[in-house]
Amino acid sequence: IAVFGVYSIVAYSTRLRLFEFAIRQVLGATRGAVLALTLRETAVLLLAGGVIGIGLAYVIAQGLRSLLYGVGTLDPLAYLGSVALIGVAVFCAAALPAWRGTSHNPADIMKG
């Protein structure tokens, strides 16, 4: 559920930036530069969210230690696997709308 939720939010917020992408292209930015900017900003958010998420997951796991079965409270595979899965979803959610948005003529996007 978390993957679908994060995907939806990131895709929607990237879609809202189509006007910004069009302005950047009109001012001379290449399609690759706009995509790189979008993915770089997404990577920063993913890194911050991953660090905060792993920290909170560890604290919560300590509190629920007696309820966990077959997984330790410090299982790196579980922590990194969840961050990797959400990371793939986040990058797809940012790249696909940005790719579609930069493939259109900026004048068409600015018309509305």
N, C-alpha and C. Protein backbone atom coordinates (compact mmCIF):
# COMPACT_ATOMS: atom_id res chain seq x y z
N ILE A 1 0.83 -1.18 0.00
CA ILE A 1 0.00 0.00 0.00
C ILE A 1 0.88 1.25 0.00
N ALA A 2 1.98 1.18 0.72
CA ALA A 2 2.87 2.34 0.79
C ALA A 2 3.45 2.67 -0.58
N VAL A 3 3.80 1.65 -1.36
CA VAL A 3 4.37 1.88 -2.69
C VAL A 3 3.36 2.60 -3.59
N PHE A 4 2.11 2.15 -3.58
CA PHE A 4 1.09 2.79 -4.41
C PHE A 4 0.81 4.21 -3.94
N GLY A 5 0.79 4.42 -2.65
CA GLY A 5 0.55 5.76 -2.12
C GLY A 5 1.66 6.73 -2.48
N VAL A 6 2.90 6.29 -2.28
CA VAL A 6 4.04 7.15 -2.60
C VAL A 6 4.10 7.41 -4.11
N TYR A 7 3.86 6.38 -4.91
CA TYR A 7 3.86 6.54 -6.36
C TYR A 7 2.83 7.59 -6.78
N SER A 8 1.64 7.49 -6.23
CA SER A 8 0.57 8.42 -6.61
C SER A 8 0.91 9.86 -6.25
N ILE A 9 1.44 10.06 -5.08
CA ILE A 9 1.77 11.42 -4.64
C ILE A 9 2.89 12.02 -5.48
N VAL A 10 3.94 11.24 -5.73
CA VAL A 10 5.07 11.75 -6.51
C VAL A 10 4.66 11.99 -7.96
N ALA A 11 3.88 11.09 -8.55
CA ALA A 11 3.44 11.27 -9.93
C ALA A 11 2.56 12.51 -10.05
N TYR A 12 1.68 12.71 -9.10
CA TYR A 12 0.80 13.88 -9.12
C TYR A 12 1.60 15.17 -8.97
N SER A 13 2.54 15.19 -8.04
CA SER A 13 3.31 16.42 -7.83
C SER A 13 4.22 16.70 -9.02
N THR A 14 4.71 15.68 -9.68
CA THR A 14 5.53 15.89 -10.88
C THR A 14 4.65 16.40 -12.02
N ARG A 15 3.45 15.87 -12.11
CA ARG A 15 2.51 16.30 -13.16
C ARG A 15 2.15 17.78 -12.99
N LEU A 16 2.07 18.24 -11.76
CA LEU A 16 1.76 19.64 -11.51
C LEU A 16 2.87 20.58 -11.97
N ARG A 17 4.06 20.05 -12.19
CA ARG A 17 5.21 20.88 -12.58
C ARG A 17 5.37 21.00 -14.09
N LEU A 18 4.40 20.55 -14.88
CA LEU A 18 4.54 20.60 -16.34
C LEU A 18 4.73 22.03 -16.84
N PHE A 19 4.05 22.99 -16.25
CA PHE A 19 4.21 24.39 -16.66
C PHE A 19 5.64 24.85 -16.42
N GLU A 20 6.20 24.46 -15.27
CA GLU A 20 7.60 24.79 -14.97
C GLU A 20 8.53 24.17 -16.00
N PHE A 21 8.27 22.91 -16.36
CA PHE A 21 9.12 22.24 -17.36
C PHE A 21 9.06 22.98 -18.69
N ALA A 22 7.86 23.43 -19.07
CA ALA A 22 7.71 24.16 -20.33
C ALA A 22 8.48 25.47 -20.30
N ILE A 23 8.41 26.18 -19.20
CA ILE A 23 9.14 27.45 -19.08
C ILE A 23 10.64 27.20 -19.16
N ARG A 24 11.12 26.18 -18.50
CA ARG A 24 12.54 25.86 -18.55
C ARG A 24 12.98 25.55 -19.99
N GLN A 25 12.15 24.81 -20.71
CA GLN A 25 12.49 24.49 -22.09
C GLN A 25 12.46 25.72 -22.98
N VAL A 26 11.51 26.61 -22.76
CA VAL A 26 11.44 27.84 -23.54
C VAL A 26 12.69 28.69 -23.29
N LEU A 27 13.17 28.68 -22.06
CA LEU A 27 14.36 29.48 -21.72
C LEU A 27 15.66 28.81 -22.14
N GLY A 28 15.58 27.62 -22.73
CA GLY A 28 16.78 27.01 -23.30
C GLY A 28 17.24 25.71 -22.68
N ALA A 29 16.56 25.23 -21.68
CA ALA A 29 16.96 23.95 -21.08
C ALA A 29 16.61 22.81 -22.03
N THR A 30 17.48 21.83 -22.08
CA THR A 30 17.20 20.67 -22.91
C THR A 30 16.29 19.71 -22.17
N ARG A 31 15.73 18.79 -22.92
CA ARG A 31 14.85 17.79 -22.32
C ARG A 31 15.60 16.97 -21.26
N GLY A 32 16.83 16.61 -21.56
CA GLY A 32 17.65 15.85 -20.63
C GLY A 32 17.96 16.61 -19.36
N ALA A 33 18.18 17.92 -19.50
CA ALA A 33 18.47 18.73 -18.32
C ALA A 33 17.26 18.82 -17.40
N VAL A 34 16.08 18.94 -17.98
CA VAL A 34 14.86 19.01 -17.16
C VAL A 34 14.63 17.68 -16.47
N LEU A 35 14.82 16.57 -17.20
CA LEU A 35 14.66 15.25 -16.59
C LEU A 35 15.68 15.02 -15.49
N ALA A 36 16.94 15.43 -15.73
CA ALA A 36 17.98 15.26 -14.72
C ALA A 36 17.67 16.07 -13.46
N LEU A 37 17.18 17.29 -13.63
CA LEU A 37 16.80 18.12 -12.49
C LEU A 37 15.69 17.46 -11.69
N THR A 38 14.69 16.96 -12.39
CA THR A 38 13.57 16.31 -11.72
C THR A 38 14.03 15.08 -10.94
N LEU A 39 14.85 14.25 -11.55
CA LEU A 39 15.32 13.03 -10.88
C LEU A 39 16.28 13.36 -9.73
N ARG A 40 17.07 14.41 -9.87
CA ARG A 40 17.98 14.80 -8.79
C ARG A 40 17.19 15.28 -7.57
N GLU A 41 16.17 16.10 -7.81
CA GLU A 41 15.34 16.57 -6.70
C GLU A 41 14.58 15.42 -6.05
N THR A 42 14.14 14.47 -6.86
CA THR A 42 13.46 13.29 -6.34
C THR A 42 14.40 12.43 -5.51
N ALA A 43 15.65 12.31 -5.95
CA ALA A 43 16.64 11.52 -5.21
C ALA A 43 16.91 12.12 -3.83
N VAL A 44 16.95 13.44 -3.75
CA VAL A 44 17.17 14.09 -2.45
C VAL A 44 16.01 13.79 -1.50
N LEU A 45 14.79 13.89 -2.02
CA LEU A 45 13.62 13.58 -1.20
C LEU A 45 13.59 12.12 -0.79
N LEU A 46 13.95 11.24 -1.71
CA LEU A 46 13.98 9.81 -1.40
C LEU A 46 15.03 9.50 -0.34
N LEU A 47 16.19 10.11 -0.43
CA LEU A 47 17.24 9.89 0.56
C LEU A 47 16.79 10.37 1.94
N ALA A 48 16.21 11.54 2.00
CA ALA A 48 15.73 12.05 3.29
C ALA A 48 14.62 11.17 3.84
N GLY A 49 13.68 10.79 3.00
CA GLY A 49 12.59 9.93 3.43
C GLY A 49 13.08 8.55 3.85
N GLY A 50 14.07 8.03 3.14
CA GLY A 50 14.62 6.72 3.50
C GLY A 50 15.32 6.74 4.85
N VAL A 51 16.09 7.77 5.12
CA VAL A 51 16.79 7.87 6.41
C VAL A 51 15.78 8.02 7.55
N ILE A 52 14.82 8.91 7.36
CA ILE A 52 13.79 9.10 8.40
C ILE A 52 12.97 7.83 8.57
N GLY A 53 12.60 7.20 7.46
CA GLY A 53 11.79 5.98 7.51
C GLY A 53 12.51 4.82 8.19
N ILE A 54 13.78 4.64 7.89
CA ILE A 54 14.54 3.56 8.53
C ILE A 54 14.67 3.84 10.02
N GLY A 55 14.92 5.08 10.37
CA GLY A 55 15.02 5.42 11.80
C GLY A 55 13.73 5.17 12.55
N LEU A 56 12.63 5.60 11.98
CA LEU A 56 11.33 5.36 12.63
C LEU A 56 10.97 3.88 12.66
N ALA A 57 11.30 3.16 11.60
CA ALA A 57 11.01 1.72 11.57
C ALA A 57 11.79 0.99 12.66
N TYR A 58 13.02 1.40 12.87
CA TYR A 58 13.82 0.77 13.91
C TYR A 58 13.23 1.04 15.30
N VAL A 59 12.84 2.28 15.54
CA VAL A 59 12.26 2.63 16.84
C VAL A 59 10.95 1.87 17.07
N ILE A 60 10.11 1.81 16.05
CA ILE A 60 8.84 1.09 16.17
C ILE A 60 9.08 -0.40 16.35
N ALA A 61 10.07 -0.95 15.64
CA ALA A 61 10.38 -2.38 15.76
C ALA A 61 10.85 -2.72 17.17
N GLN A 62 11.57 -1.81 17.80
CA GLN A 62 12.00 -2.05 19.18
C GLN A 62 10.79 -2.16 20.10
N GLY A 63 9.79 -1.33 19.85
CA GLY A 63 8.58 -1.38 20.67
C GLY A 63 7.72 -2.61 20.41
N LEU A 64 7.81 -3.14 19.20
CA LEU A 64 7.00 -4.30 18.82
C LEU A 64 7.83 -5.59 18.77
N ARG A 65 8.95 -5.61 19.44
CA ARG A 65 9.88 -6.74 19.40
C ARG A 65 9.19 -8.06 19.70
N SER A 66 8.28 -8.09 20.66
CA SER A 66 7.64 -9.36 21.04
C SER A 66 6.66 -9.85 19.97
N LEU A 67 6.21 -8.98 19.09
CA LEU A 67 5.25 -9.37 18.06
C LEU A 67 5.90 -9.79 16.74
N LEU A 68 7.19 -9.49 16.58
CA LEU A 68 7.89 -9.84 15.35
C LEU A 68 8.27 -11.32 15.38
N TYR A 69 7.99 -12.01 14.28
CA TYR A 69 8.31 -13.43 14.21
C TYR A 69 9.16 -13.67 12.98
N GLY A 70 10.33 -14.21 13.16
CA GLY A 70 11.20 -14.55 12.05
C GLY A 70 12.00 -13.39 11.49
N VAL A 71 11.83 -12.21 12.04
CA VAL A 71 12.57 -11.05 11.59
C VAL A 71 13.11 -10.34 12.81
N GLY A 72 14.40 -10.06 12.81
CA GLY A 72 14.99 -9.33 13.92
C GLY A 72 14.66 -7.86 13.83
N THR A 73 14.89 -7.15 14.90
CA THR A 73 14.61 -5.72 14.89
C THR A 73 15.63 -4.94 14.07
N LEU A 74 16.76 -5.55 13.78
CA LEU A 74 17.79 -4.90 12.98
C LEU A 74 18.12 -5.78 11.77
N ASP A 75 17.12 -6.07 10.95
CA ASP A 75 17.30 -6.89 9.76
C ASP A 75 17.57 -5.97 8.57
N PRO A 76 18.83 -5.87 8.13
CA PRO A 76 19.14 -4.93 7.06
C PRO A 76 18.46 -5.27 5.74
N LEU A 77 18.23 -6.55 5.48
CA LEU A 77 17.57 -6.92 4.24
C LEU A 77 16.14 -6.39 4.19
N ALA A 78 15.43 -6.45 5.29
CA ALA A 78 14.07 -5.93 5.34
C ALA A 78 14.05 -4.41 5.18
N TYR A 79 14.94 -3.73 5.87
CA TYR A 79 14.98 -2.27 5.79
C TYR A 79 15.38 -1.80 4.39
N LEU A 80 16.47 -2.33 3.87
CA LEU A 80 16.96 -1.89 2.57
C LEU A 80 16.05 -2.35 1.44
N GLY A 81 15.44 -3.51 1.61
CA GLY A 81 14.51 -4.00 0.59
C GLY A 81 13.29 -3.10 0.46
N SER A 82 12.78 -2.65 1.58
CA SER A 82 11.61 -1.76 1.52
C SER A 82 11.98 -0.41 0.93
N VAL A 83 13.14 0.11 1.29
CA VAL A 83 13.58 1.39 0.73
C VAL A 83 13.83 1.24 -0.78
N ALA A 84 14.41 0.13 -1.19
CA ALA A 84 14.66 -0.10 -2.62
C ALA A 84 13.36 -0.20 -3.40
N LEU A 85 12.39 -0.92 -2.86
CA LEU A 85 11.11 -1.07 -3.54
C LEU A 85 10.40 0.28 -3.67
N ILE A 86 10.38 1.04 -2.61
CA ILE A 86 9.76 2.36 -2.67
C ILE A 86 10.58 3.29 -3.57
N GLY A 87 11.90 3.13 -3.57
CA GLY A 87 12.76 3.95 -4.43
C GLY A 87 12.49 3.74 -5.91
N VAL A 88 12.30 2.50 -6.31
CA VAL A 88 11.98 2.22 -7.71
C VAL A 88 10.65 2.87 -8.08
N ALA A 89 9.67 2.75 -7.20
CA ALA A 89 8.37 3.36 -7.46
C ALA A 89 8.47 4.88 -7.56
N VAL A 90 9.28 5.48 -6.69
CA VAL A 90 9.42 6.93 -6.68
C VAL A 90 10.09 7.41 -7.97
N PHE A 91 11.14 6.74 -8.40
CA PHE A 91 11.81 7.17 -9.62
C PHE A 91 10.94 6.97 -10.86
N CYS A 92 10.17 5.90 -10.90
CA CYS A 92 9.22 5.72 -12.01
C CYS A 92 8.15 6.80 -11.97
N ALA A 93 7.68 7.11 -10.78
CA ALA A 93 6.63 8.12 -10.63
C ALA A 93 7.12 9.51 -11.02
N ALA A 94 8.40 9.78 -10.84
CA ALA A 94 8.93 11.09 -11.22
C ALA A 94 9.34 11.12 -12.69
N ALA A 95 9.90 10.03 -13.18
CA ALA A 95 10.43 10.01 -14.54
C ALA A 95 9.34 9.97 -15.61
N LEU A 96 8.31 9.18 -15.40
CA LEU A 96 7.29 9.02 -16.45
C LEU A 96 6.52 10.31 -16.74
N PRO A 97 5.98 11.01 -15.74
CA PRO A 97 5.30 12.28 -16.06
C PRO A 97 6.26 13.35 -16.59
N ALA A 98 7.49 13.37 -16.08
CA ALA A 98 8.46 14.35 -16.57
C ALA A 98 8.83 14.04 -18.02
N TRP A 99 8.99 12.77 -18.35
CA TRP A 99 9.30 12.38 -19.72
C TRP A 99 8.17 12.78 -20.66
N ARG A 100 6.93 12.49 -20.26
CA ARG A 100 5.78 12.86 -21.08
C ARG A 100 5.66 14.38 -21.20
N GLY A 101 5.89 15.07 -20.10
CA GLY A 101 5.75 16.53 -20.12
C GLY A 101 6.79 17.23 -20.96
N THR A 102 8.00 16.71 -20.98
CA THR A 102 9.05 17.35 -21.78
C THR A 102 8.99 16.94 -23.23
N SER A 103 8.20 15.93 -23.58
CA SER A 103 8.10 15.51 -24.97
C SER A 103 7.10 16.35 -25.75
N HIS A 104 6.27 17.13 -25.06
CA HIS A 104 5.30 17.99 -25.73
C HIS A 104 5.92 19.33 -26.09
N ASN A 105 5.30 20.00 -27.01
CA ASN A 105 5.71 21.35 -27.36
C ASN A 105 5.40 22.28 -26.18
N PRO A 106 6.38 23.05 -25.70
CA PRO A 106 6.12 23.93 -24.55
C PRO A 106 4.98 24.91 -24.78
N ALA A 107 4.77 25.34 -26.02
CA ALA A 107 3.67 26.28 -26.29
C ALA A 107 2.32 25.64 -26.06
N ASP A 108 2.21 24.35 -26.36
CA ASP A 108 0.94 23.65 -26.11
C ASP A 108 0.65 23.52 -24.62
N ILE A 109 1.68 23.29 -23.83
CA ILE A 109 1.50 23.16 -22.38
C ILE A 109 1.11 24.51 -21.78
N MET A 110 1.72 25.59 -22.28
CA MET A 110 1.45 26.91 -21.72
C MET A 110 0.05 27.41 -22.07
N LYS A 111 -0.52 26.90 -23.16
CA LYS A 111 -1.89 27.28 -23.50
C LYS A 111 -2.89 26.76 -22.49
N GLY A 112 -2.54 25.63 -21.86
CA GLY A 112 -3.42 25.08 -20.85
C GLY A 112 -4.05 23.86 -21.33
